[in-house]
């Protein structure tokens, strides 16, 4: 065991865990004041739900067996997972238990990301049921297919830290839920504005901080790959933040702090699939290009198609993840690519690009179909959307009987 790597991954796992409450602040600030607690609660609930499921069945379904689509039951309740040795994954420099703990944090943040698309109109109980089914039927199979030696790994697709598994899956799922639920009652009639921009800044800053653990830790060792991932992560985020500000300055005349924060997050999303595989200069290109693409999807395509992805989970995570996966297929360097002959397109081979495009397409179709079936089944047993009156007064009161900003008169004014 490499004690330096153990210490490094322990810290990285804690940083990834921090990203979920950071997301709660980010989403909470972007939403309306009457829904802020419900919005934050939907992000925080996976810290309990996904953690428990991971111990019971998640790790086993994700990282056991030799099946192409999903793992087996060999490690239910973490059976056979050693906390001091790496008996299951001899190539790792860390114990199996630490590897499992690090991967658990990814499942938590992924299912929390979905909720940004449905804030302000989805009942809390159905979203918890959906999260449970979605983790079992979508996230664990995808983790196995990409990182557990399954189907997508077998076609030679690569995903360093979660472009397919985390961002495309959550973004596409958010879009499916938004379409099934329908638009918010005031959508296209009122101008929705973030109710607490300092919350947005706090959340974005902590997300950026946690993302160093998210990406650098995915090297699973304190080594040069981790350093490369650390540097490409920061570079892409910085470039995307800057390019988003430029786009806003050109199109609306003034850059906004919400836009700058959104740009940083989109850059972090886009570099995730290739952080450990691409060079520093290509991470700059990835960051500069992803913001105009995401901005166009959010400001033009979403309005033209008329769907209500409330906090743009699809526009940021879905589109950013797809873009990042494709860019990895173009820019992955021969020195960092995990397989000989599967470097990026600019290095003379299109095999990796073809594999990654195939993985992106498969992830979109698989995630959309399974997510649609899950939410339709739930909707056949219970209402999934709050009543019109509950939506009008706010989900903080109707779903939780709490108020974020009470006055001494007991009124939320």
Protein backbone atom coordinates (compact mmCIF):
# COMPACT_ATOMS: atom_id res chain seq x y z
CA UNK A 1 0.00 0.00 0.00
CA UNK A 2 1.13 3.51 -0.88
CA UNK A 3 0.43 5.57 2.25
CA UNK A 4 0.83 8.81 0.31
CA UNK A 5 -1.83 7.76 -2.18
CA UNK A 6 -4.09 6.59 0.67
CA UNK A 7 -3.88 10.01 2.32
CA UNK A 8 -4.42 11.76 -1.02
CA UNK A 9 -7.54 9.77 -1.95
CA UNK A 10 -9.00 10.16 1.54
CA UNK A 11 -8.77 13.93 1.09
CA UNK A 12 -10.14 13.74 -2.44
CA UNK A 13 -13.11 11.65 -1.28
CA UNK A 14 -13.91 14.27 1.36
CA UNK A 15 -13.70 17.01 -1.28
CA UNK A 16 -16.12 15.16 -3.55
CA UNK A 17 -18.53 14.72 -0.63
CA UNK A 18 -18.34 18.49 -0.05
CA UNK A 19 -19.60 19.05 -3.59
CA UNK A 20 -23.12 17.90 -2.69
CA UNK A 21 -23.83 20.57 -0.04
CA UNK A 22 -22.06 22.98 -2.41
CA UNK A 23 -24.55 22.01 -5.09
CA UNK A 24 -27.37 22.64 -2.61
CA UNK A 25 -26.18 26.24 -2.19
CA UNK A 26 -25.69 26.64 -5.95
CA UNK A 27 -29.13 25.32 -6.85
CA UNK A 28 -30.78 26.95 -3.83
CA UNK A 29 -29.47 30.38 -4.79
CA UNK A 30 -30.57 30.01 -8.40
CA UNK A 31 -34.16 29.13 -7.47
CA UNK A 32 -37.02 31.16 -6.02
CA UNK A 33 -37.06 32.13 -2.35
CA UNK A 34 -40.30 30.22 -1.64
CA UNK A 35 -38.64 26.99 -2.87
CA UNK A 36 -35.10 27.36 -1.56
CA UNK A 37 -35.36 24.81 1.27
CA UNK A 38 -37.04 22.22 -0.94
CA UNK A 39 -34.42 22.79 -3.64
CA UNK A 40 -31.58 22.36 -1.15
CA UNK A 41 -33.25 19.34 0.45
CA UNK A 42 -33.48 17.55 -2.89
CA UNK A 43 -29.71 17.98 -3.23
CA UNK A 44 -28.95 16.98 0.36
CA UNK A 45 -31.20 13.88 0.53
CA UNK A 46 -28.81 11.79 -1.66
CA UNK A 47 -26.13 12.17 1.01
CA UNK A 48 -28.23 9.75 3.07
CA UNK A 49 -30.02 7.75 0.40
CA UNK A 50 -27.14 7.12 -2.00
CA UNK A 51 -24.69 6.37 0.84
CA UNK A 52 -26.93 3.65 2.26
CA UNK A 53 -27.69 2.13 -1.14
CA UNK A 54 -24.01 2.07 -2.05
CA UNK A 55 -23.12 0.01 1.02
CA UNK A 56 -26.02 -2.40 0.52
CA UNK A 57 -25.88 -2.98 -3.23
CA UNK A 58 -24.26 -0.13 -5.16
CA UNK A 59 -20.62 -1.15 -4.94
CA UNK A 60 -21.43 -4.75 -5.77
CA UNK A 61 -23.53 -3.82 -8.80
CA UNK A 62 -20.88 -1.39 -10.02
CA UNK A 63 -17.58 -3.17 -9.44
CA UNK A 64 -18.09 -6.92 -9.18
CA UNK A 65 -18.40 -9.71 -11.71
CA UNK A 66 -17.45 -9.93 -15.37
CA UNK A 67 -20.86 -9.18 -16.90
CA UNK A 68 -21.06 -6.60 -19.67
CA UNK A 69 -24.03 -4.68 -18.29
CA UNK A 70 -24.07 -4.81 -14.48
CA UNK A 71 -22.21 -6.38 -11.59
CA UNK A 72 -23.36 -9.25 -9.41
CA UNK A 73 -24.24 -9.83 -5.75
CA UNK A 74 -20.77 -10.88 -4.54
CA UNK A 75 -20.18 -7.77 -2.45
CA UNK A 76 -23.57 -7.04 -0.94
CA UNK A 77 -23.17 -5.01 2.26
CA UNK A 78 -19.49 -4.61 1.26
CA UNK A 79 -18.88 -8.31 1.86
CA UNK A 80 -15.28 -9.18 0.98
CA UNK A 81 -14.21 -5.55 0.63
CA UNK A 82 -10.98 -5.17 2.61
CA UNK A 83 -10.36 -1.86 4.39
CA UNK A 84 -6.60 -2.38 4.54
CA UNK A 85 -5.66 -4.25 1.35
CA UNK A 86 -6.35 -4.09 -2.38
CA UNK A 87 -7.22 -7.71 -2.92
CA UNK A 88 -10.01 -6.98 -5.45
CA UNK A 89 -8.12 -4.50 -7.63
CA UNK A 90 -4.40 -5.36 -7.50
CA UNK A 91 -3.46 -2.49 -9.84
CA UNK A 92 -4.70 0.08 -7.31
CA UNK A 93 -2.37 1.70 -4.80
CA UNK A 94 -5.15 2.07 -2.24
CA UNK A 95 -7.28 -0.39 -0.21
CA UNK A 96 -10.52 -1.69 -1.70
CA UNK A 97 -12.54 0.01 1.04
CA UNK A 98 -11.08 3.42 0.17
CA UNK A 99 -11.70 2.86 -3.54
CA UNK A 100 -15.32 2.02 -2.70
CA UNK A 101 -15.68 5.09 -0.49
CA UNK A 102 -14.28 7.37 -3.17
CA UNK A 103 -16.64 5.96 -5.80
CA UNK A 104 -19.59 6.26 -3.42
CA UNK A 105 -19.20 10.04 -3.42
CA UNK A 106 -19.74 10.08 -7.19
CA UNK A 107 -23.09 8.34 -6.87
CA UNK A 108 -24.20 10.92 -4.30
CA UNK A 109 -23.44 14.02 -6.39
CA UNK A 110 -24.76 12.45 -9.62
CA UNK A 111 -28.28 11.83 -8.38
CA UNK A 112 -28.32 15.27 -6.73
CA UNK A 113 -27.49 16.95 -10.06
CA UNK A 114 -30.73 15.64 -11.60
CA UNK A 115 -32.92 17.65 -9.24
CA UNK A 116 -32.00 21.01 -10.75
CA UNK A 117 -34.34 20.37 -13.65
CA UNK A 118 -37.48 19.81 -11.54
CA UNK A 119 -37.30 22.42 -8.78
CA UNK A 120 -40.49 24.23 -7.91
CA UNK A 121 -42.96 21.57 -9.03
CA UNK A 122 -42.06 17.96 -8.11
CA UNK A 123 -43.25 16.30 -4.91
CA UNK A 124 -40.52 15.20 -2.53
CA UNK A 125 -41.63 11.58 -1.95
CA UNK A 126 -41.71 10.66 -5.66
CA UNK A 127 -38.27 12.18 -6.24
CA UNK A 128 -36.85 10.00 -3.44
CA UNK A 129 -38.43 6.89 -4.95
CA UNK A 130 -37.13 7.91 -8.37
CA UNK A 131 -33.60 8.41 -6.99
CA UNK A 132 -33.61 4.92 -5.49
CA UNK A 133 -34.74 3.21 -8.69
CA UNK A 134 -32.50 5.38 -10.86
CA UNK A 135 -29.35 4.55 -8.92
CA UNK A 136 -30.05 0.82 -9.20
CA UNK A 137 -31.20 0.78 -12.83
CA UNK A 138 -29.12 3.56 -14.40
CA UNK A 139 -26.15 4.72 -12.34
CA UNK A 140 -24.78 1.38 -11.14
CA UNK A 141 -25.03 -0.24 -14.59
CA UNK A 142 -23.30 2.74 -16.22
CA UNK A 143 -20.54 2.73 -13.59
CA UNK A 144 -20.02 -0.97 -14.27
CA UNK A 145 -20.06 -0.51 -18.04
CA UNK A 146 -17.46 2.28 -17.93
CA UNK A 147 -15.27 1.64 -14.88
CA UNK A 148 -16.10 -1.96 -13.94
CA UNK A 149 -14.92 -3.59 -17.17
CA UNK A 150 -18.34 -3.71 -18.81
CA UNK A 151 -19.70 -2.93 -22.26
CA UNK A 152 -18.41 0.61 -22.75
CA UNK A 153 -14.94 -0.31 -21.53
CA UNK A 154 -14.98 -3.28 -23.90
CA UNK A 155 -15.56 -1.02 -26.93
CA UNK A 156 -12.51 1.02 -25.71
CA UNK A 157 -14.42 4.17 -24.71
CA UNK A 158 -12.74 6.15 -21.94
CA UNK A 159 -14.24 8.39 -19.27
CA UNK A 160 -11.72 9.61 -16.72
CA UNK A 161 -14.00 10.95 -14.01
CA UNK A 162 -17.62 10.77 -15.13
CA UNK A 163 -18.58 12.40 -18.41
CA UNK A 164 -20.90 9.51 -19.27
CA UNK A 165 -21.51 8.10 -15.81
CA UNK A 166 -22.12 11.38 -13.98
CA UNK A 167 -22.88 14.32 -16.24
CA UNK A 168 -24.57 12.95 -19.36
CA UNK A 169 -26.68 10.57 -17.29
CA UNK A 170 -27.82 13.25 -14.84
CA UNK A 171 -28.38 15.91 -17.51
CA UNK A 172 -30.41 13.65 -19.81
CA UNK A 173 -32.42 12.35 -16.86
CA UNK A 174 -33.17 15.91 -15.79
CA UNK A 175 -34.47 16.67 -19.27
CA UNK A 176 -36.71 13.57 -19.23
CA UNK A 177 -38.18 14.54 -15.86
CA UNK A 178 -38.74 18.12 -17.00
CA UNK A 179 -40.62 16.91 -20.06
CA UNK A 180 -42.78 14.45 -18.10
CA UNK A 181 -43.61 16.96 -15.35
CA UNK A 182 -44.35 19.83 -17.70
CA UNK A 183 -43.64 23.52 -17.24
CA UNK A 184 -43.88 25.51 -14.03
CA UNK A 185 -47.18 27.39 -13.66
CA UNK A 186 -45.60 30.81 -14.35
CA UNK A 187 -43.10 29.66 -16.96
CA UNK A 188 -42.89 32.07 -19.93
CA UNK A 189 -45.14 34.52 -18.05
CA UNK A 190 -42.77 35.61 -15.28
CA UNK A 191 -39.07 36.42 -15.46
CA UNK A 192 -37.41 33.94 -13.12
CA UNK A 193 -34.43 35.44 -11.32
CA UNK A 194 -31.98 33.89 -8.82
CA UNK A 195 -33.19 34.81 -5.36
CA UNK A 196 -29.76 34.72 -3.65
CA UNK A 197 -26.73 35.33 -5.86
CA UNK A 198 -24.23 35.11 -2.95
CA UNK A 199 -25.48 31.51 -2.45
CA UNK A 200 -24.70 30.87 -6.13
CA UNK A 201 -21.17 32.22 -5.72
CA UNK A 202 -20.60 30.19 -2.55
CA UNK A 203 -21.88 27.02 -4.20
CA UNK A 204 -19.86 27.53 -7.38
CA UNK A 205 -16.69 28.25 -5.44
CA UNK A 206 -17.06 25.12 -3.32
CA UNK A 207 -17.91 23.06 -6.40
CA UNK A 208 -14.73 24.25 -8.11
CA UNK A 209 -12.76 23.42 -4.96
CA UNK A 210 -14.33 19.97 -4.65
CA UNK A 211 -13.78 19.26 -8.33
CA UNK A 212 -10.04 19.04 -7.74
CA UNK A 213 -10.77 15.96 -5.64
CA UNK A 214 -13.33 14.75 -8.18
CA UNK A 215 -10.89 14.79 -11.10
CA UNK A 216 -7.42 14.54 -9.59
CA UNK A 217 -8.58 11.79 -7.24
CA UNK A 218 -9.77 9.74 -10.20
CA UNK A 219 -6.13 8.92 -10.88
CA UNK A 220 -6.51 6.76 -7.72
CA UNK A 221 -2.92 7.56 -6.76
CA UNK A 222 -0.75 10.55 -5.91
CA UNK A 223 1.07 10.60 -9.23
CA UNK A 224 1.64 12.53 -12.44
CA UNK A 225 -1.79 11.69 -13.83
CA UNK A 226 -3.39 13.29 -10.76
CA UNK A 227 -1.28 16.40 -11.26
CA UNK A 228 -2.25 16.58 -14.92
CA UNK A 229 -5.93 16.21 -13.98
CA UNK A 230 -5.58 18.92 -11.32
CA UNK A 231 -4.09 21.39 -13.79
CA UNK A 232 -6.42 20.65 -16.70
CA UNK A 233 -9.41 20.95 -14.38
CA UNK A 234 -8.49 24.44 -13.23
CA UNK A 235 -7.51 25.58 -16.72
CA UNK A 236 -10.74 24.46 -18.36
CA UNK A 237 -12.86 26.03 -15.61
CA UNK A 238 -11.00 29.32 -15.86
CA UNK A 239 -11.23 29.39 -19.66
CA UNK A 240 -14.94 28.57 -19.62
CA UNK A 241 -15.69 31.23 -17.03
CA UNK A 242 -13.82 33.79 -19.12
CA UNK A 243 -15.49 32.80 -22.39
CA UNK A 244 -18.97 32.91 -20.78
CA UNK A 245 -18.27 36.48 -19.66
CA UNK A 246 -17.16 37.38 -23.19
CA UNK A 247 -20.32 35.88 -24.68
CA UNK A 248 -22.52 37.86 -22.28
CA UNK A 249 -20.59 41.06 -22.96
CA UNK A 250 -21.05 40.63 -26.72
CA UNK A 251 -24.70 39.55 -26.65
CA UNK A 252 -26.24 41.46 -23.74
CA UNK A 253 -23.66 44.15 -23.06
CA UNK A 254 -22.80 43.22 -19.49
CA UNK A 255 -21.19 40.13 -17.94
CA UNK A 256 -23.04 38.74 -14.92
CA UNK A 257 -21.69 36.97 -11.86
CA UNK A 258 -24.30 34.21 -12.27
CA UNK A 259 -23.07 33.74 -15.82
CA UNK A 260 -19.45 33.64 -14.69
CA UNK A 261 -20.29 30.96 -12.11
CA UNK A 262 -22.28 28.99 -14.68
CA UNK A 263 -19.36 29.17 -17.10
CA UNK A 264 -16.96 27.83 -14.50
CA UNK A 265 -19.26 24.88 -13.74
CA UNK A 266 -19.72 24.10 -17.44
CA UNK A 267 -15.94 24.12 -17.90
CA UNK A 268 -15.53 21.72 -14.99
CA UNK A 269 -18.15 19.42 -16.52
CA UNK A 270 -16.52 19.46 -19.96
CA UNK A 271 -13.02 18.59 -18.73
CA UNK A 272 -14.19 15.75 -16.47
CA UNK A 273 -14.17 12.97 -19.13
CA UNK A 274 -10.63 13.77 -20.24
CA UNK A 275 -8.93 15.48 -17.29
CA UNK A 276 -6.31 12.76 -16.92
CA UNK A 277 -5.99 12.05 -20.64
CA UNK A 278 -5.64 15.43 -22.38
CA UNK A 279 -2.85 18.02 -22.40
CA UNK A 280 -2.93 21.37 -20.65
CA UNK A 281 -3.22 23.37 -23.88
CA UNK A 282 -6.17 21.30 -25.09
CA UNK A 283 -7.98 21.84 -21.76
CA UNK A 284 -7.79 25.55 -22.55
CA UNK A 285 -9.54 24.96 -25.88
CA UNK A 286 -12.17 22.73 -24.28
CA UNK A 287 -12.99 25.42 -21.71
CA UNK A 288 -13.13 28.24 -24.25
CA UNK A 289 -15.48 26.34 -26.58
CA UNK A 290 -17.92 24.74 -24.15
CA UNK A 291 -19.37 27.97 -22.74
CA UNK A 292 -20.70 29.34 -26.07
CA UNK A 293 -22.24 25.92 -26.78
CA UNK A 294 -23.94 25.68 -23.39
CA UNK A 295 -25.05 29.31 -23.53
CA UNK A 296 -26.64 28.70 -26.94
CA UNK A 297 -28.48 25.62 -25.66
CA UNK A 298 -29.83 27.48 -22.63
CA UNK A 299 -30.68 30.84 -24.18
CA UNK A 300 -31.77 29.77 -27.68
CA UNK A 301 -32.55 26.06 -28.07
CA UNK A 302 -34.39 25.66 -24.76
CA UNK A 303 -36.61 28.66 -25.52
CA UNK A 304 -37.27 27.51 -29.07
CA UNK A 305 -38.21 23.97 -28.00
CA UNK A 306 -40.16 25.22 -24.98
CA UNK A 307 -39.10 22.71 -22.32
CA UNK A 308 -38.69 23.86 -18.71
CA UNK A 309 -35.35 22.64 -17.38
CA UNK A 310 -35.56 24.93 -14.36
CA UNK A 311 -31.87 25.25 -13.42
CA UNK A 312 -30.46 23.98 -16.72
CA UNK A 313 -29.19 20.59 -15.58
CA UNK A 314 -29.33 19.40 -19.18
CA UNK A 315 -27.91 22.57 -20.70
CA UNK A 316 -24.90 22.48 -18.37
CA UNK A 317 -24.27 18.86 -17.42
CA UNK A 318 -25.84 16.99 -20.32
CA UNK A 319 -24.41 19.19 -23.08
CA UNK A 320 -21.11 19.76 -21.25
CA UNK A 321 -20.66 16.04 -20.67
CA UNK A 322 -21.36 15.16 -24.29
CA UNK A 323 -18.98 17.85 -25.52
CA UNK A 324 -16.28 16.72 -23.10
CA UNK A 325 -16.56 13.08 -24.13
CA UNK A 326 -16.17 13.99 -27.80
CA UNK A 327 -13.25 16.35 -27.09
CA UNK A 328 -11.52 13.55 -25.18
CA UNK A 329 -11.75 11.46 -28.33
CA UNK A 330 -10.06 14.28 -30.21
CA UNK A 331 -7.40 15.46 -27.75
CA UNK A 332 -6.36 12.43 -25.61
CA UNK A 333 -2.56 12.22 -25.86
CA UNK A 334 -0.70 8.98 -26.68
CA UNK A 335 1.30 9.30 -23.47
CA UNK A 336 -1.82 9.55 -21.27
CA UNK A 337 -4.32 7.38 -23.18
CA UNK A 338 -4.84 4.11 -21.30
CA UNK A 339 -4.58 1.92 -24.43
CA UNK A 340 -1.95 1.94 -27.15
CA UNK A 341 -3.47 2.89 -30.49
CA UNK A 342 -6.42 4.67 -28.85
CA UNK A 343 -5.19 8.25 -28.67
CA UNK A 344 -7.11 11.29 -29.87
CA UNK A 345 -7.99 12.13 -33.44
CA UNK A 346 -5.35 14.85 -33.73
CA UNK A 347 -2.68 12.22 -33.06
CA UNK A 348 -3.63 10.23 -36.15
CA UNK A 349 -6.29 7.73 -35.10
CA UNK A 350 -10.06 8.00 -35.10
CA UNK A 351 -10.69 4.80 -33.12
CA UNK A 352 -10.98 6.51 -29.74
CA UNK A 353 -13.24 9.25 -31.11
CA UNK A 354 -15.54 6.63 -32.63
CA UNK A 355 -15.61 4.69 -29.36
CA UNK A 356 -16.36 7.80 -27.30
CA UNK A 357 -19.08 9.04 -29.66
CA UNK A 358 -20.65 5.57 -29.48
CA UNK A 359 -20.50 5.73 -25.68
CA UNK A 360 -22.12 9.18 -25.63
CA UNK A 361 -24.96 8.05 -27.92
CA UNK A 362 -25.49 4.85 -25.93
CA UNK A 363 -25.52 6.75 -22.62
CA UNK A 364 -28.10 9.25 -23.89
CA UNK A 365 -30.44 6.56 -25.24
CA UNK A 366 -30.05 4.14 -22.31
CA UNK A 367 -30.47 6.85 -19.68
CA UNK A 368 -33.45 8.49 -21.37
CA UNK A 369 -35.37 5.25 -21.89
CA UNK A 370 -34.83 3.82 -18.41
CA UNK A 371 -35.48 7.16 -16.69
CA UNK A 372 -38.73 7.61 -18.66
CA UNK A 373 -39.93 4.14 -17.67
CA UNK A 374 -39.08 4.73 -13.99
CA UNK A 375 -40.93 8.04 -13.71
CA UNK A 376 -43.93 6.73 -15.65
CA UNK A 377 -44.23 3.74 -13.33
CA UNK A 378 -44.03 6.00 -10.28
CA UNK A 379 -46.63 8.34 -11.79
CA UNK A 380 -49.02 5.39 -12.19
CA UNK A 381 -49.03 4.88 -8.40
CA UNK A 382 -48.93 8.46 -7.05
CA UNK A 383 -49.03 12.08 -8.19
CA UNK A 384 -45.52 13.27 -9.00
CA UNK A 385 -46.31 16.96 -9.30
CA UNK A 386 -47.53 19.27 -6.54
CA UNK A 387 -50.95 20.87 -6.80
CA UNK A 388 -51.35 24.27 -8.42
CA UNK A 389 -52.00 25.83 -5.02
CA UNK A 390 -48.93 24.20 -3.47
CA UNK A 391 -46.81 25.43 -6.36
CA UNK A 392 -48.20 28.94 -5.90
CA UNK A 393 -47.41 29.15 -2.18
CA UNK A 394 -44.07 27.41 -2.57
CA UNK A 395 -42.70 23.94 -1.88
CA UNK A 396 -40.92 24.97 1.30
CA UNK A 397 -44.29 25.32 2.96
CA UNK A 398 -46.30 22.67 1.11
CA UNK A 399 -43.66 19.89 1.22
CA UNK A 400 -41.74 20.66 4.43
CA UNK A 401 -43.73 23.26 6.44
CA UNK A 402 -40.60 25.35 6.79
CA UNK A 403 -39.67 28.88 5.81
CA UNK A 404 -36.20 30.01 4.81
CA UNK A 405 -36.69 33.69 5.63
CA UNK A 406 -39.28 34.12 8.41
CA UNK A 407 -40.00 37.54 9.90
CA UNK A 408 -40.92 38.26 13.48
CA UNK A 409 -44.54 38.42 12.32
CA UNK A 410 -44.30 34.87 11.05
CA UNK A 411 -44.65 35.99 7.44
CA UNK A 412 -42.31 35.24 4.55
CA UNK A 413 -42.22 38.79 3.20
